[in-house]
Amino acid sequence: MAGAEEADNTNAIITRIEHKSRKIETLLKQYKPVEALKTALEGTYAIIVGDERCKAAQWLVVHRAIMWCTQITPVILEGV
């Protein structure tokens, strides 16, 4: 029974990460990278103890936000 509960918990975490990913994409399209990165980092404590799929999914979300910030920074600095 513990295995079923663990699988349900993992699926719930993956679902939250997918929702977070969609929210981040929306923020990035609105040129709000700081908000996107904050959103990506929210709730990471719950994933640290999760299984490897959860950790990998969370890393992809955070990585996407960070990479977008590094891509847009030179464009912002050119205008300064």
PDB file of N, CA and C in Angstrom:
ATOM      1  N   MET A   1       0.820  -1.204   0.000  1.00  0.00           N
ATOM      2  CA  MET A   1       0.000   0.000   0.000  1.00  0.00           C
ATOM      3  C   MET A   1       0.864   1.269   0.000  1.00  0.00           C
ATOM      4  N   ALA A   2       2.009   1.194   0.660  1.00  0.00           N
ATOM      5  CA  ALA A   2       2.884   2.371   0.702  1.00  0.00           C
ATOM      6  C   ALA A   2       3.357   2.748  -0.696  1.00  0.00           C
ATOM      7  N   GLY A   3       3.570   1.750  -1.539  1.00  0.00           N
ATOM      8  CA  GLY A   3       4.008   2.025  -2.902  1.00  0.00           C
ATOM      9  C   GLY A   3       2.974   2.808  -3.687  1.00  0.00           C
ATOM     10  N   ALA A   4       1.695   2.495  -3.485  1.00  0.00           N
ATOM     11  CA  ALA A   4       0.619   3.218  -4.173  1.00  0.00           C
ATOM     12  C   ALA A   4       0.532   4.652  -3.691  1.00  0.00           C
ATOM     13  N   GLU A   5       0.689   4.849  -2.390  1.00  0.00           N
ATOM     14  CA  GLU A   5       0.656   6.215  -1.840  1.00  0.00           C
ATOM     15  C   GLU A   5       1.829   7.027  -2.357  1.00  0.00           C
ATOM     16  N   GLU A   6       2.987   6.391  -2.424  1.00  0.00           N
ATOM     17  CA  GLU A   6       4.179   7.084  -2.919  1.00  0.00           C
ATOM     18  C   GLU A   6       3.999   7.467  -4.389  1.00  0.00           C
ATOM     19  N   ALA A   7       3.436   6.569  -5.177  1.00  0.00           N
ATOM     20  CA  ALA A   7       3.187   6.854  -6.593  1.00  0.00           C
ATOM     21  C   ALA A   7       2.187   7.987  -6.743  1.00  0.00           C
ATOM     22  N   ASP A   8       1.134   7.985  -5.912  1.00  0.00           N
ATOM     23  CA  ASP A   8       0.150   9.069  -5.948  1.00  0.00           C
ATOM     24  C   ASP A   8       0.801  10.397  -5.590  1.00  0.00           C
ATOM     25  N   ASN A   9       1.671  10.381  -4.578  1.00  0.00           N
ATOM     26  CA  ASN A   9       2.366  11.597  -4.160  1.00  0.00           C
ATOM     27  C   ASN A   9       3.281  12.096  -5.277  1.00  0.00           C
ATOM     28  N   THR A  10       3.994  11.170  -5.905  1.00  0.00           N
ATOM     29  CA  THR A  10       4.877  11.544  -7.010  1.00  0.00           C
ATOM     30  C   THR A  10       4.074  12.144  -8.154  1.00  0.00           C
ATOM     31  N   ASN A  11       2.964  11.527  -8.490  1.00  0.00           N
ATOM     32  CA  ASN A  11       2.121  12.053  -9.569  1.00  0.00           C
ATOM     33  C   ASN A  11       1.577  13.431  -9.222  1.00  0.00           C
ATOM     34  N   ALA A  12       1.225  13.650  -7.961  1.00  0.00           N
ATOM     35  CA  ALA A  12       0.727  14.957  -7.527  1.00  0.00           C
ATOM     36  C   ALA A  12       1.820  16.011  -7.654  1.00  0.00           C
ATOM     37  N   ILE A  13       3.036  15.652  -7.287  1.00  0.00           N
ATOM     38  CA  ILE A  13       4.157  16.591  -7.387  1.00  0.00           C
ATOM     39  C   ILE A  13       4.433  16.918  -8.851  1.00  0.00           C
ATOM     40  N   ILE A  14       4.443  15.910  -9.703  1.00  0.00           N
ATOM     41  CA  ILE A  14       4.673  16.123 -11.139  1.00  0.00           C
ATOM     42  C   ILE A  14       3.591  17.038 -11.713  1.00  0.00           C
ATOM     43  N   THR A  15       2.357  16.835 -11.307  1.00  0.00           N
ATOM     44  CA  THR A  15       1.256  17.682 -11.775  1.00  0.00           C
ATOM     45  C   THR A  15       1.475  19.126 -11.346  1.00  0.00           C
ATOM     46  N   ARG A  16       1.901  19.346 -10.107  1.00  0.00           N
ATOM     47  CA  ARG A  16       2.182  20.718  -9.632  1.00  0.00           C
ATOM     48  C   ARG A  16       3.321  21.341 -10.419  1.00  0.00           C
ATOM     49  N   ILE A  17       4.338  20.558 -10.712  1.00  0.00           N
ATOM     50  CA  ILE A  17       5.480  21.073 -11.482  1.00  0.00           C
ATOM     51  C   ILE A  17       5.039  21.445 -12.897  1.00  0.00           C
ATOM     52  N   GLU A  18       4.190  20.629 -13.504  1.00  0.00           N
ATOM     53  CA  GLU A  18       3.681  20.943 -14.843  1.00  0.00           C
ATOM     54  C   GLU A  18       2.872  22.235 -14.830  1.00  0.00           C
ATOM     55  N   HIS A  19       2.058  22.421 -13.803  1.00  0.00           N
ATOM     56  CA  HIS A  19       1.280  23.661 -13.665  1.00  0.00           C
ATOM     57  C   HIS A  19       2.226  24.849 -13.501  1.00  0.00           C
ATOM     58  N   LYS A  20       3.250  24.659 -12.675  1.00  0.00           N
ATOM     59  CA  LYS A  20       4.248  25.710 -12.460  1.00  0.00           C
ATOM     60  C   LYS A  20       4.952  26.048 -13.764  1.00  0.00           C
ATOM     61  N   SER A  21       5.257  25.046 -14.565  1.00  0.00           N
ATOM     62  CA  SER A  21       5.929  25.254 -15.846  1.00  0.00           C
ATOM     63  C   SER A  21       5.088  26.116 -16.778  1.00  0.00           C
ATOM     64  N   ARG A  22       3.795  25.838 -16.838  1.00  0.00           N
ATOM     65  CA  ARG A  22       2.908  26.650 -17.691  1.00  0.00           C
ATOM     66  C   ARG A  22       2.858  28.090 -17.193  1.00  0.00           C
ATOM     67  N   LYS A  23       2.821  28.274 -15.881  1.00  0.00           N
ATOM     68  CA  LYS A  23       2.795  29.624 -15.312  1.00  0.00           C
ATOM     69  C   LYS A  23       4.091  30.367 -15.648  1.00  0.00           C
ATOM     70  N   ILE A  24       5.211  29.666 -15.577  1.00  0.00           N
ATOM     71  CA  ILE A  24       6.505  30.280 -15.890  1.00  0.00           C
ATOM     72  C   ILE A  24       6.567  30.687 -17.353  1.00  0.00           C
ATOM     73  N   GLU A  25       6.088  29.837 -18.243  1.00  0.00           N
ATOM     74  CA  GLU A  25       6.082  30.176 -19.663  1.00  0.00           C
ATOM     75  C   GLU A  25       5.264  31.440 -19.911  1.00  0.00           C
ATOM     76  N   THR A  26       4.143  31.561 -19.233  1.00  0.00           N
ATOM     77  CA  THR A  26       3.312  32.763 -19.368  1.00  0.00           C
ATOM     78  C   THR A  26       4.075  33.985 -18.882  1.00  0.00           C
ATOM     79  N   LEU A  27       4.736  33.864 -17.737  1.00  0.00           N
ATOM     80  CA  LEU A  27       5.505  34.999 -17.204  1.00  0.00           C
ATOM     81  C   LEU A  27       6.651  35.380 -18.139  1.00  0.00           C
ATOM     82  N   LEU A  28       7.315  34.403 -18.716  1.00  0.00           N
ATOM     83  CA  LEU A  28       8.416  34.699 -19.628  1.00  0.00           C
ATOM     84  C   LEU A  28       7.914  35.390 -20.890  1.00  0.00           C
ATOM     85  N   LYS A  29       6.764  34.983 -21.376  1.00  0.00           N
ATOM     86  CA  LYS A  29       6.185  35.637 -22.558  1.00  0.00           C
ATOM     87  C   LYS A  29       5.790  37.076 -22.260  1.00  0.00           C
ATOM     88  N   GLN A  30       5.540  37.364 -20.979  1.00  0.00           N
ATOM     89  CA  GLN A  30       5.198  38.720 -20.558  1.00  0.00           C
ATOM     90  C   GLN A  30       6.449  39.508 -20.153  1.00  0.00           C
ATOM     91  N   TYR A  31       7.632  38.940 -20.409  1.00  0.00           N
ATOM     92  CA  TYR A  31       8.916  39.562 -20.058  1.00  0.00           C
ATOM     93  C   TYR A  31       8.994  39.875 -18.561  1.00  0.00           C
ATOM     94  N   LYS A  32       8.658  38.881 -17.747  1.00  0.00           N
ATOM     95  CA  LYS A  32       8.741  38.986 -16.289  1.00  0.00           C
ATOM     96  C   LYS A  32       9.657  37.878 -15.766  1.00  0.00           C
ATOM     97  N   PRO A  33      10.960  37.986 -16.087  1.00  0.00           N
ATOM     98  CA  PRO A  33      11.871  36.898 -15.721  1.00  0.00           C
ATOM     99  C   PRO A  33      12.073  36.730 -14.218  1.00  0.00           C
ATOM    100  N   VAL A  34      12.062  37.811 -13.464  1.00  0.00           N
ATOM    101  CA  VAL A  34      12.249  37.705 -12.018  1.00  0.00           C
ATOM    102  C   VAL A  34      11.089  36.939 -11.385  1.00  0.00           C
ATOM    103  N   GLU A  35       9.868  37.275 -11.794  1.00  0.00           N
ATOM    104  CA  GLU A  35       8.704  36.567 -11.281  1.00  0.00           C
ATOM    105  C   GLU A  35       8.731  35.096 -11.700  1.00  0.00           C
ATOM    106  N   ALA A  36       9.196  34.849 -12.921  1.00  0.00           N
ATOM    107  CA  ALA A  36       9.285  33.468 -13.414  1.00  0.00           C
ATOM    108  C   ALA A  36      10.275  32.662 -12.588  1.00  0.00           C
ATOM    109  N   LEU A  37      11.411  33.253 -12.285  1.00  0.00           N
ATOM    110  CA  LEU A  37      12.419  32.549 -11.492  1.00  0.00           C
ATOM    111  C   LEU A  37      11.923  32.317 -10.070  1.00  0.00           C
ATOM    112  N   LYS A  38      11.281  33.307  -9.481  1.00  0.00           N
ATOM    113  CA  LYS A  38      10.707  33.128  -8.143  1.00  0.00           C
ATOM    114  C   LYS A  38       9.690  31.997  -8.144  1.00  0.00           C
ATOM    115  N   THR A  39       8.850  31.962  -9.161  1.00  0.00           N
ATOM    116  CA  THR A  39       7.847  30.904  -9.274  1.00  0.00           C
ATOM    117  C   THR A  39       8.520  29.544  -9.428  1.00  0.00           C
ATOM    118  N   ALA A  40       9.581  29.494 -10.214  1.00  0.00           N
ATOM    119  CA  ALA A  40      10.294  28.232 -10.427  1.00  0.00           C
ATOM    120  C   ALA A  40      10.877  27.694  -9.130  1.00  0.00           C
ATOM    121  N   LEU A  41      11.312  28.589  -8.260  1.00  0.00           N
ATOM    122  CA  LEU A  41      11.955  28.160  -7.023  1.00  0.00           C
ATOM    123  C   LEU A  41      10.974  27.894  -5.885  1.00  0.00           C
ATOM    124  N   GLU A  42       9.728  28.305  -6.048  1.00  0.00           N
ATOM    125  CA  GLU A  42       8.730  28.076  -5.000  1.00  0.00           C
ATOM    126  C   GLU A  42       8.508  26.591  -4.784  1.00  0.00           C
ATOM    127  N   GLY A  43       8.469  26.198  -3.529  1.00  0.00           N
ATOM    128  CA  GLY A  43       8.129  24.829  -3.180  1.00  0.00           C
ATOM    129  C   GLY A  43       9.179  23.788  -3.501  1.00  0.00           C
ATOM    130  N   THR A  44      10.394  24.190  -3.742  1.00  0.00           N
ATOM    131  CA  THR A  44      11.426  23.207  -4.088  1.00  0.00           C
ATOM    132  C   THR A  44      11.778  22.309  -2.913  1.00  0.00           C
ATOM    133  N   TYR A  45      11.511  22.748  -1.699  1.00  0.00           N
ATOM    134  CA  TYR A  45      11.823  21.922  -0.526  1.00  0.00           C
ATOM    135  C   TYR A  45      11.079  20.593  -0.562  1.00  0.00           C
ATOM    136  N   ALA A  46       9.872  20.573  -1.084  1.00  0.00           N
ATOM    137  CA  ALA A  46       9.090  19.335  -1.148  1.00  0.00           C
ATOM    138  C   ALA A  46       9.667  18.376  -2.170  1.00  0.00           C
ATOM    139  N   ILE A  47      10.368  18.878  -3.150  1.00  0.00           N
ATOM    140  CA  ILE A  47      10.879  18.049  -4.226  1.00  0.00           C
ATOM    141  C   ILE A  47      12.247  17.478  -3.883  1.00  0.00           C
ATOM    142  N   ILE A  48      12.955  18.126  -2.965  1.00  0.00           N
ATOM    143  CA  ILE A  48      14.285  17.653  -2.584  1.00  0.00           C
ATOM    144  C   ILE A  48      14.215  16.218  -2.067  1.00  0.00           C
ATOM    145  N   VAL A  49      13.148  15.892  -1.355  1.00  0.00           N
ATOM    146  CA  VAL A  49      13.009  14.541  -0.806  1.00  0.00           C
ATOM    147  C   VAL A  49      12.238  13.623  -1.742  1.00  0.00           C
ATOM    148  N   GLY A  50      11.807  14.136  -2.882  1.00  0.00           N
ATOM    149  CA  GLY A  50      11.027  13.342  -3.835  1.00  0.00           C
ATOM    150  C   GLY A  50      11.889  12.378  -4.624  1.00  0.00           C
ATOM    151  N   ASP A  51      11.253  11.666  -5.529  1.00  0.00           N
ATOM    152  CA  ASP A  51      12.026  10.729  -6.334  1.00  0.00           C
ATOM    153  C   ASP A  51      12.745  11.461  -7.466  1.00  0.00           C
ATOM    154  N   GLU A  52      13.522  10.731  -8.202  1.00  0.00           N
ATOM    155  CA  GLU A  52      14.367  11.335  -9.241  1.00  0.00           C
ATOM    156  C   GLU A  52      13.557  11.993 -10.359  1.00  0.00           C
ATOM    157  N   ARG A  53      12.386  11.448 -10.691  1.00  0.00           N
ATOM    158  CA  ARG A  53      11.558  12.081 -11.735  1.00  0.00           C
ATOM    159  C   ARG A  53      11.129  13.470 -11.297  1.00  0.00           C
ATOM    160  N   CYS A  54      10.760  13.611 -10.027  1.00  0.00           N
ATOM    161  CA  CYS A  54      10.338  14.912  -9.504  1.00  0.00           C
ATOM    162  C   CYS A  54      11.497  15.891  -9.519  1.00  0.00           C
ATOM    163  N   LYS A  55      12.651  15.425  -9.089  1.00  0.00           N
ATOM    164  CA  LYS A  55      13.834  16.291  -9.065  1.00  0.00           C
ATOM    165  C   LYS A  55      14.198  16.750 -10.478  1.00  0.00           C
ATOM    166  N   ALA A  56      14.147  15.824 -11.426  1.00  0.00           N
ATOM    167  CA  ALA A  56      14.484  16.167 -12.806  1.00  0.00           C
ATOM    168  C   ALA A  56      13.478  17.146 -13.398  1.00  0.00           C
ATOM    169  N   ALA A  57      12.202  16.917 -13.142  1.00  0.00           N
ATOM    170  CA  ALA A  57      11.168  17.815 -13.659  1.00  0.00           C
ATOM    171  C   ALA A  57      11.328  19.211 -13.072  1.00  0.00           C
ATOM    172  N   GLN A  58      11.602  19.282 -11.772  1.00  0.00           N
ATOM    173  CA  GLN A  58      11.796  20.581 -11.120  1.00  0.00           C
ATOM    174  C   GLN A  58      13.027  21.278 -11.675  1.00  0.00           C
ATOM    175  N   TRP A  59      14.108  20.528 -11.874  1.00  0.00           N
ATOM    176  CA  TRP A  59      15.319  21.123 -12.418  1.00  0.00           C
ATOM    177  C   TRP A  59      15.061  21.723 -13.794  1.00  0.00           C
ATOM    178  N   LEU A  60      14.297  21.045 -14.625  1.00  0.00           N
ATOM    179  CA  LEU A  60      13.996  21.573 -15.957  1.00  0.00           C
ATOM    180  C   LEU A  60      13.248  22.898 -15.876  1.00  0.00           C
ATOM    181  N   VAL A  61      12.329  23.012 -14.928  1.00  0.00           N
ATOM    182  CA  VAL A  61      11.566  24.253 -14.764  1.00  0.00           C
ATOM    183  C   VAL A  61      12.496  25.389 -14.327  1.00  0.00           C
ATOM    184  N   VAL A  62      13.331  25.125 -13.335  1.00  0.00           N
ATOM    185  CA  VAL A  62      14.258  26.152 -12.848  1.00  0.00           C
ATOM    186  C   VAL A  62      15.263  26.508 -13.941  1.00  0.00           C
ATOM    187  N   HIS A  63      15.780  25.508 -14.612  1.00  0.00           N
ATOM    188  CA  HIS A  63      16.759  25.734 -15.677  1.00  0.00           C
ATOM    189  C   HIS A  63      16.182  26.613 -16.778  1.00  0.00           C
ATOM    190  N   ARG A  64      14.933  26.371 -17.143  1.00  0.00           N
ATOM    191  CA  ARG A  64      14.278  27.169 -18.194  1.00  0.00           C
ATOM    192  C   ARG A  64      14.236  28.643 -17.794  1.00  0.00           C
ATOM    193  N   ALA A  65      13.858  28.908 -16.558  1.00  0.00           N
ATOM    194  CA  ALA A  65      13.774  30.293 -16.094  1.00  0.00           C
ATOM    195  C   ALA A  65      15.155  30.941 -16.048  1.00  0.00           C
ATOM    196  N   ILE A  66      16.146  30.207 -15.573  1.00  0.00           N
ATOM    197  CA  ILE A  66      17.506  30.756 -15.492  1.00  0.00           C
ATOM    198  C   ILE A  66      18.061  31.034 -16.887  1.00  0.00           C
ATOM    199  N   MET A  67      17.876  30.092 -17.804  1.00  0.00           N
ATOM    200  CA  MET A  67      18.400  30.277 -19.154  1.00  0.00           C
ATOM    201  C   MET A  67      17.748  31.466 -19.850  1.00  0.00           C
ATOM    202  N   TRP A  68      16.474  31.667 -19.633  1.00  0.00           N
ATOM    203  CA  TRP A  68      15.800  32.803 -20.233  1.00  0.00           C
ATOM    204  C   TRP A  68      16.401  34.092 -19.689  1.00  0.00           C
ATOM    205  N   CYS A  69      16.679  34.123 -18.386  1.00  0.00           N
ATOM    206  CA  CYS A  69      17.283  35.320 -17.786  1.00  0.00           C
ATOM    207  C   CYS A  69      18.655  35.601 -18.392  1.00  0.00           C
ATOM    208  N   THR A  70      19.438  34.562 -18.623  1.00  0.00           N
ATOM    209  CA  THR A  70      20.770  34.783 -19.192  1.00  0.00           C
ATOM    210  C   THR A  70      20.693  35.208 -20.648  1.00  0.00           C
ATOM    211  N   GLN A  71      19.635  34.812 -21.347  1.00  0.00           N
ATOM    212  CA  GLN A  71      19.477  35.211 -22.741  1.00  0.00           C
ATOM    213  C   GLN A  71      19.012  36.653 -22.860  1.00  0.00           C
ATOM    214  N   ILE A  72      18.186  37.110 -21.936  1.00  0.00           N
ATOM    215  CA  ILE A  72      17.619  38.453 -22.037  1.00  0.00           C
ATOM    216  C   ILE A  72      18.543  39.514 -21.426  1.00  0.00           C
ATOM    217  N   THR A  73      19.419  39.140 -20.496  1.00  0.00           N
ATOM    218  CA  THR A  73      20.289  40.105 -19.832  1.00  0.00           C
ATOM    219  C   THR A  73      21.139  40.900 -20.825  1.00  0.00           C
ATOM    220  N   PRO A  74      21.799  40.261 -21.810  1.00  0.00           N
ATOM    221  CA  PRO A  74      22.586  41.061 -22.755  1.00  0.00           C
ATOM    222  C   PRO A  74      21.720  42.065 -23.543  1.00  0.00           C
ATOM    223  N   VAL A  75      20.517  41.695 -23.846  1.00  0.00           N
ATOM    224  CA  VAL A  75      19.618  42.599 -24.576  1.00  0.00           C
ATOM    225  C   VAL A  75      19.288  43.808 -23.701  1.00  0.00           C
ATOM    226  N   ILE A  76      19.045  43.574 -22.435  1.00  0.00           N
ATOM    227  CA  ILE A  76      18.754  44.668 -21.514  1.00  0.00           C
ATOM    228  C   ILE A  76      19.961  45.574 -21.352  1.00  0.00           C
ATOM    229  N   LEU A  77      21.142  44.957 -21.208  1.00  0.00           N
ATOM    230  CA  LEU A  77      22.362  45.741 -20.994  1.00  0.00           C
ATOM    231  C   LEU A  77      22.735  46.584 -22.221  1.00  0.00           C
ATOM    232  N   GLU A  78      22.378  46.132 -23.407  1.00  0.00           N
ATOM    233  CA  GLU A  78      22.667  46.910 -24.613  1.00  0.00           C
ATOM    234  C   GLU A  78      21.933  48.244 -24.595  1.00  0.00           C
ATOM    235  N   GLY A  79      20.774  48.265 -23.975  1.00  0.00           N
ATOM    236  CA  GLY A  79      19.987  49.490 -23.919  1.00  0.00           C
ATOM    237  C   GLY A  79      20.462  50.464 -22.864  1.00  0.00           C
ATOM    238  N   VAL A  80      21.370  50.024 -22.010  1.00  0.00           N
ATOM    239  CA  VAL A  80      21.839  50.885 -20.915  1.00  0.00           C
ATOM    240  C   VAL A  80      22.933  51.802 -21.381  1.00  0.00           C
TER     241      VAL A  80
END
